[in-house]
Amino acid sequence: GVFGREGVAPASAHHCLVLGAGDGLSVWNRSSAQLRFVLAAGQPLNEPVVQQGLFVMNSRAQIQQAMQDYYYGHNGFEKASQWSSA
């Protein structure tokens, strides 16, 4: 599939497009194969974002707490050592 809008270079597969208020999006399937894509939408939260590794929080202190919880198996990470990715 090809994703984009008029007058802008199109984006190909495996890319994330971030659109703002009033932006539109066109999608073209230039193949006979089935096209699948995810479209997610929501209101901006206008909150600070801090990211480290896999953790995304609102502050450095929250990141440190999440990492500590993960390390010690607390607050939702009790069975984290048994998690696997398939």
N, C-alpha and C. Protein backbone atom coordinates (compact mmCIF):
# COMPACT_ATOMS: atom_id res chain seq x y z
N GLY A 1 0.82 -1.19 0.00
CA GLY A 1 0.00 0.00 0.00
C GLY A 1 0.86 1.25 0.00
N VAL A 2 0.28 2.31 -0.44
CA VAL A 2 0.94 3.62 -0.43
C VAL A 2 0.05 4.56 0.37
N PHE A 3 0.63 5.29 1.27
CA PHE A 3 -0.12 6.16 2.17
C PHE A 3 0.39 7.59 2.04
N GLY A 4 -0.50 8.53 2.04
CA GLY A 4 -0.06 9.92 1.97
C GLY A 4 -1.20 10.85 1.65
N ARG A 5 -0.83 12.01 1.12
CA ARG A 5 -1.81 13.02 0.72
C ARG A 5 -1.22 13.78 -0.47
N GLU A 6 -2.06 14.51 -1.13
CA GLU A 6 -1.62 15.24 -2.32
C GLU A 6 -0.50 16.20 -1.98
N GLY A 7 0.51 16.26 -2.86
CA GLY A 7 1.59 17.21 -2.71
C GLY A 7 2.67 16.81 -1.72
N VAL A 8 2.56 15.63 -1.11
CA VAL A 8 3.55 15.17 -0.14
C VAL A 8 4.06 13.81 -0.59
N ALA A 9 5.35 13.56 -0.44
CA ALA A 9 5.91 12.26 -0.82
C ALA A 9 5.20 11.15 -0.05
N PRO A 10 4.79 10.08 -0.73
CA PRO A 10 4.06 9.01 -0.04
C PRO A 10 4.96 8.21 0.89
N ALA A 11 4.35 7.60 1.89
CA ALA A 11 5.05 6.72 2.82
C ALA A 11 4.73 5.28 2.43
N SER A 12 5.72 4.41 2.55
CA SER A 12 5.52 3.01 2.21
C SER A 12 5.25 2.20 3.48
N ALA A 13 5.20 0.89 3.31
CA ALA A 13 4.89 -0.02 4.42
C ALA A 13 5.89 0.12 5.57
N HIS A 14 5.45 -0.21 6.76
CA HIS A 14 6.26 -0.25 7.97
C HIS A 14 6.72 1.13 8.42
N HIS A 15 5.91 2.14 8.17
CA HIS A 15 6.19 3.49 8.64
C HIS A 15 5.00 3.99 9.45
N CYS A 16 5.27 4.91 10.34
CA CYS A 16 4.22 5.53 11.14
C CYS A 16 4.02 6.95 10.65
N LEU A 17 2.78 7.30 10.37
CA LEU A 17 2.44 8.67 9.97
C LEU A 17 1.73 9.33 11.14
N VAL A 18 2.16 10.51 11.50
CA VAL A 18 1.51 11.26 12.56
C VAL A 18 0.84 12.45 11.90
N LEU A 19 -0.47 12.49 12.02
CA LEU A 19 -1.25 13.55 11.37
C LEU A 19 -1.76 14.52 12.42
N GLY A 20 -1.95 15.75 12.03
CA GLY A 20 -2.46 16.76 12.93
C GLY A 20 -3.87 17.16 12.57
N ALA A 21 -4.40 18.10 13.30
CA ALA A 21 -5.77 18.58 13.08
C ALA A 21 -5.93 19.05 11.64
N GLY A 22 -6.96 18.59 10.99
CA GLY A 22 -7.24 19.01 9.62
C GLY A 22 -6.51 18.22 8.55
N ASP A 23 -5.57 17.36 8.94
CA ASP A 23 -4.85 16.54 7.97
C ASP A 23 -5.75 15.42 7.46
N GLY A 24 -5.58 15.09 6.21
CA GLY A 24 -6.28 13.96 5.62
C GLY A 24 -5.28 12.91 5.20
N LEU A 25 -5.78 11.74 4.85
CA LEU A 25 -4.92 10.64 4.46
C LEU A 25 -5.57 9.88 3.31
N SER A 26 -4.78 9.57 2.31
CA SER A 26 -5.26 8.73 1.21
C SER A 26 -4.45 7.44 1.21
N VAL A 27 -5.12 6.33 0.86
CA VAL A 27 -4.47 5.03 0.82
C VAL A 27 -4.73 4.42 -0.54
N TRP A 28 -3.65 3.95 -1.19
CA TRP A 28 -3.79 3.28 -2.49
C TRP A 28 -3.23 1.88 -2.38
N ASN A 29 -3.94 0.93 -2.92
CA ASN A 29 -3.45 -0.44 -3.01
C ASN A 29 -3.06 -0.68 -4.46
N ARG A 30 -1.79 -0.68 -4.75
CA ARG A 30 -1.30 -0.83 -6.12
C ARG A 30 -1.03 -2.28 -6.47
N SER A 31 -1.64 -3.18 -5.72
CA SER A 31 -1.42 -4.60 -5.92
C SER A 31 -2.77 -5.31 -5.89
N SER A 32 -2.79 -6.54 -6.38
CA SER A 32 -4.01 -7.34 -6.29
C SER A 32 -4.07 -8.07 -4.95
N ALA A 33 -2.98 -8.02 -4.17
CA ALA A 33 -2.96 -8.66 -2.86
C ALA A 33 -3.76 -7.83 -1.86
N GLN A 34 -4.25 -8.51 -0.83
CA GLN A 34 -5.02 -7.84 0.21
C GLN A 34 -4.12 -6.85 0.98
N LEU A 35 -4.65 -5.68 1.28
CA LEU A 35 -3.92 -4.66 2.02
C LEU A 35 -4.50 -4.56 3.43
N ARG A 36 -3.64 -4.60 4.41
CA ARG A 36 -4.07 -4.45 5.81
C ARG A 36 -3.23 -3.35 6.44
N PHE A 37 -3.88 -2.51 7.23
CA PHE A 37 -3.15 -1.48 7.97
C PHE A 37 -3.95 -1.10 9.20
N VAL A 38 -3.29 -0.45 10.13
CA VAL A 38 -3.92 -0.02 11.38
C VAL A 38 -4.05 1.49 11.36
N LEU A 39 -5.22 1.96 11.69
CA LEU A 39 -5.47 3.39 11.81
C LEU A 39 -5.91 3.65 13.25
N ALA A 40 -5.12 4.40 13.98
CA ALA A 40 -5.43 4.72 15.38
C ALA A 40 -5.60 6.23 15.49
N ALA A 41 -6.58 6.64 16.27
CA ALA A 41 -6.84 8.07 16.42
C ALA A 41 -7.16 8.39 17.88
N GLY A 42 -6.90 9.60 18.27
CA GLY A 42 -7.22 10.03 19.62
C GLY A 42 -6.91 11.51 19.80
N GLN A 43 -7.35 12.02 20.90
CA GLN A 43 -7.09 13.41 21.24
C GLN A 43 -5.70 13.53 21.86
N PRO A 44 -4.95 14.57 21.52
CA PRO A 44 -3.64 14.76 22.16
C PRO A 44 -3.80 14.97 23.66
N LEU A 45 -2.93 14.37 24.45
CA LEU A 45 -3.00 14.51 25.90
C LEU A 45 -2.26 15.75 26.39
N ASN A 46 -1.35 16.27 25.57
CA ASN A 46 -0.55 17.45 25.95
C ASN A 46 0.11 17.26 27.30
N GLU A 47 0.71 16.08 27.49
CA GLU A 47 1.44 15.77 28.71
C GLU A 47 2.91 15.52 28.36
N PRO A 48 3.80 15.71 29.32
CA PRO A 48 5.21 15.41 29.04
C PRO A 48 5.39 13.91 28.81
N VAL A 49 6.36 13.55 27.99
CA VAL A 49 6.65 12.15 27.69
C VAL A 49 8.13 11.90 27.92
N VAL A 50 8.43 10.87 28.71
CA VAL A 50 9.80 10.45 28.97
C VAL A 50 9.87 8.98 28.61
N GLN A 51 10.87 8.60 27.80
CA GLN A 51 11.01 7.22 27.36
C GLN A 51 12.40 6.72 27.67
N GLN A 52 12.48 5.51 28.20
CA GLN A 52 13.77 4.84 28.38
C GLN A 52 13.54 3.35 28.16
N GLY A 53 14.24 2.78 27.20
CA GLY A 53 14.02 1.37 26.87
C GLY A 53 12.58 1.16 26.46
N LEU A 54 11.93 0.20 27.08
CA LEU A 54 10.54 -0.10 26.76
C LEU A 54 9.55 0.72 27.57
N PHE A 55 10.04 1.49 28.51
CA PHE A 55 9.16 2.24 29.40
C PHE A 55 8.89 3.64 28.86
N VAL A 56 7.63 4.05 28.90
CA VAL A 56 7.22 5.40 28.52
C VAL A 56 6.33 5.93 29.63
N MET A 57 6.74 7.01 30.25
CA MET A 57 6.00 7.59 31.37
C MET A 57 5.99 9.12 31.20
N ASN A 58 5.55 9.81 32.27
CA ASN A 58 5.48 11.27 32.23
C ASN A 58 6.67 11.96 32.89
N SER A 59 7.47 11.23 33.66
CA SER A 59 8.61 11.86 34.32
C SER A 59 9.73 10.85 34.50
N ARG A 60 10.93 11.35 34.73
CA ARG A 60 12.09 10.49 34.98
C ARG A 60 11.86 9.66 36.25
N ALA A 61 11.24 10.25 37.27
CA ALA A 61 10.96 9.52 38.51
C ALA A 61 10.03 8.34 38.26
N GLN A 62 9.02 8.52 37.39
CA GLN A 62 8.11 7.42 37.06
C GLN A 62 8.84 6.32 36.30
N ILE A 63 9.76 6.70 35.43
CA ILE A 63 10.57 5.72 34.71
C ILE A 63 11.40 4.90 35.70
N GLN A 64 12.05 5.58 36.62
CA GLN A 64 12.87 4.89 37.61
C GLN A 64 12.03 3.94 38.46
N GLN A 65 10.81 4.37 38.83
CA GLN A 65 9.93 3.52 39.62
C GLN A 65 9.49 2.30 38.82
N ALA A 66 9.15 2.49 37.54
CA ALA A 66 8.75 1.37 36.69
C ALA A 66 9.88 0.37 36.53
N MET A 67 11.11 0.86 36.36
CA MET A 67 12.26 -0.03 36.22
C MET A 67 12.51 -0.80 37.52
N GLN A 68 12.35 -0.12 38.64
CA GLN A 68 12.52 -0.78 39.94
C GLN A 68 11.43 -1.84 40.13
N ASP A 69 10.19 -1.51 39.79
CA ASP A 69 9.09 -2.48 39.89
C ASP A 69 9.37 -3.70 39.03
N TYR A 70 9.87 -3.48 37.83
CA TYR A 70 10.19 -4.58 36.93
C TYR A 70 11.29 -5.45 37.53
N TYR A 71 12.34 -4.80 38.00
CA TYR A 71 13.49 -5.53 38.55
C TYR A 71 13.09 -6.39 39.75
N TYR A 72 12.26 -5.83 40.63
CA TYR A 72 11.87 -6.54 41.86
C TYR A 72 10.57 -7.33 41.71
N GLY A 73 9.93 -7.28 40.55
CA GLY A 73 8.70 -8.05 40.32
C GLY A 73 7.51 -7.53 41.11
N HIS A 74 7.33 -6.22 41.15
CA HIS A 74 6.21 -5.60 41.86
C HIS A 74 5.29 -4.88 40.89
N ASN A 75 4.09 -4.53 41.39
CA ASN A 75 3.18 -3.61 40.70
C ASN A 75 2.87 -4.02 39.25
N GLY A 76 2.49 -5.27 39.06
CA GLY A 76 2.13 -5.75 37.73
C GLY A 76 3.20 -6.55 37.04
N PHE A 77 4.39 -6.56 37.59
CA PHE A 77 5.51 -7.30 36.99
C PHE A 77 5.80 -8.60 37.76
N GLU A 78 4.86 -9.05 38.58
CA GLU A 78 5.11 -10.22 39.43
C GLU A 78 5.53 -11.45 38.62
N LYS A 79 4.97 -11.65 37.45
CA LYS A 79 5.30 -12.83 36.63
C LYS A 79 6.11 -12.46 35.39
N ALA A 80 6.76 -11.33 35.41
CA ALA A 80 7.50 -10.85 34.24
C ALA A 80 8.59 -11.81 33.81
N SER A 81 9.19 -12.52 34.75
CA SER A 81 10.27 -13.44 34.39
C SER A 81 9.76 -14.61 33.54
N GLN A 82 8.45 -14.84 33.56
CA GLN A 82 7.85 -15.93 32.79
C GLN A 82 7.31 -15.46 31.44
N TRP A 83 7.33 -14.17 31.17
CA TRP A 83 6.80 -13.65 29.91
C TRP A 83 7.67 -14.08 28.75
N SER A 84 7.04 -14.29 27.60
CA SER A 84 7.81 -14.60 26.39
C SER A 84 7.15 -13.95 25.20
N SER A 85 7.90 -13.78 24.17
CA SER A 85 7.43 -13.17 22.95
C SER A 85 7.39 -14.25 21.88
N ALA A 86 6.25 -14.40 21.23
CA ALA A 86 6.15 -15.45 20.20
C ALA A 86 6.20 -14.86 18.82
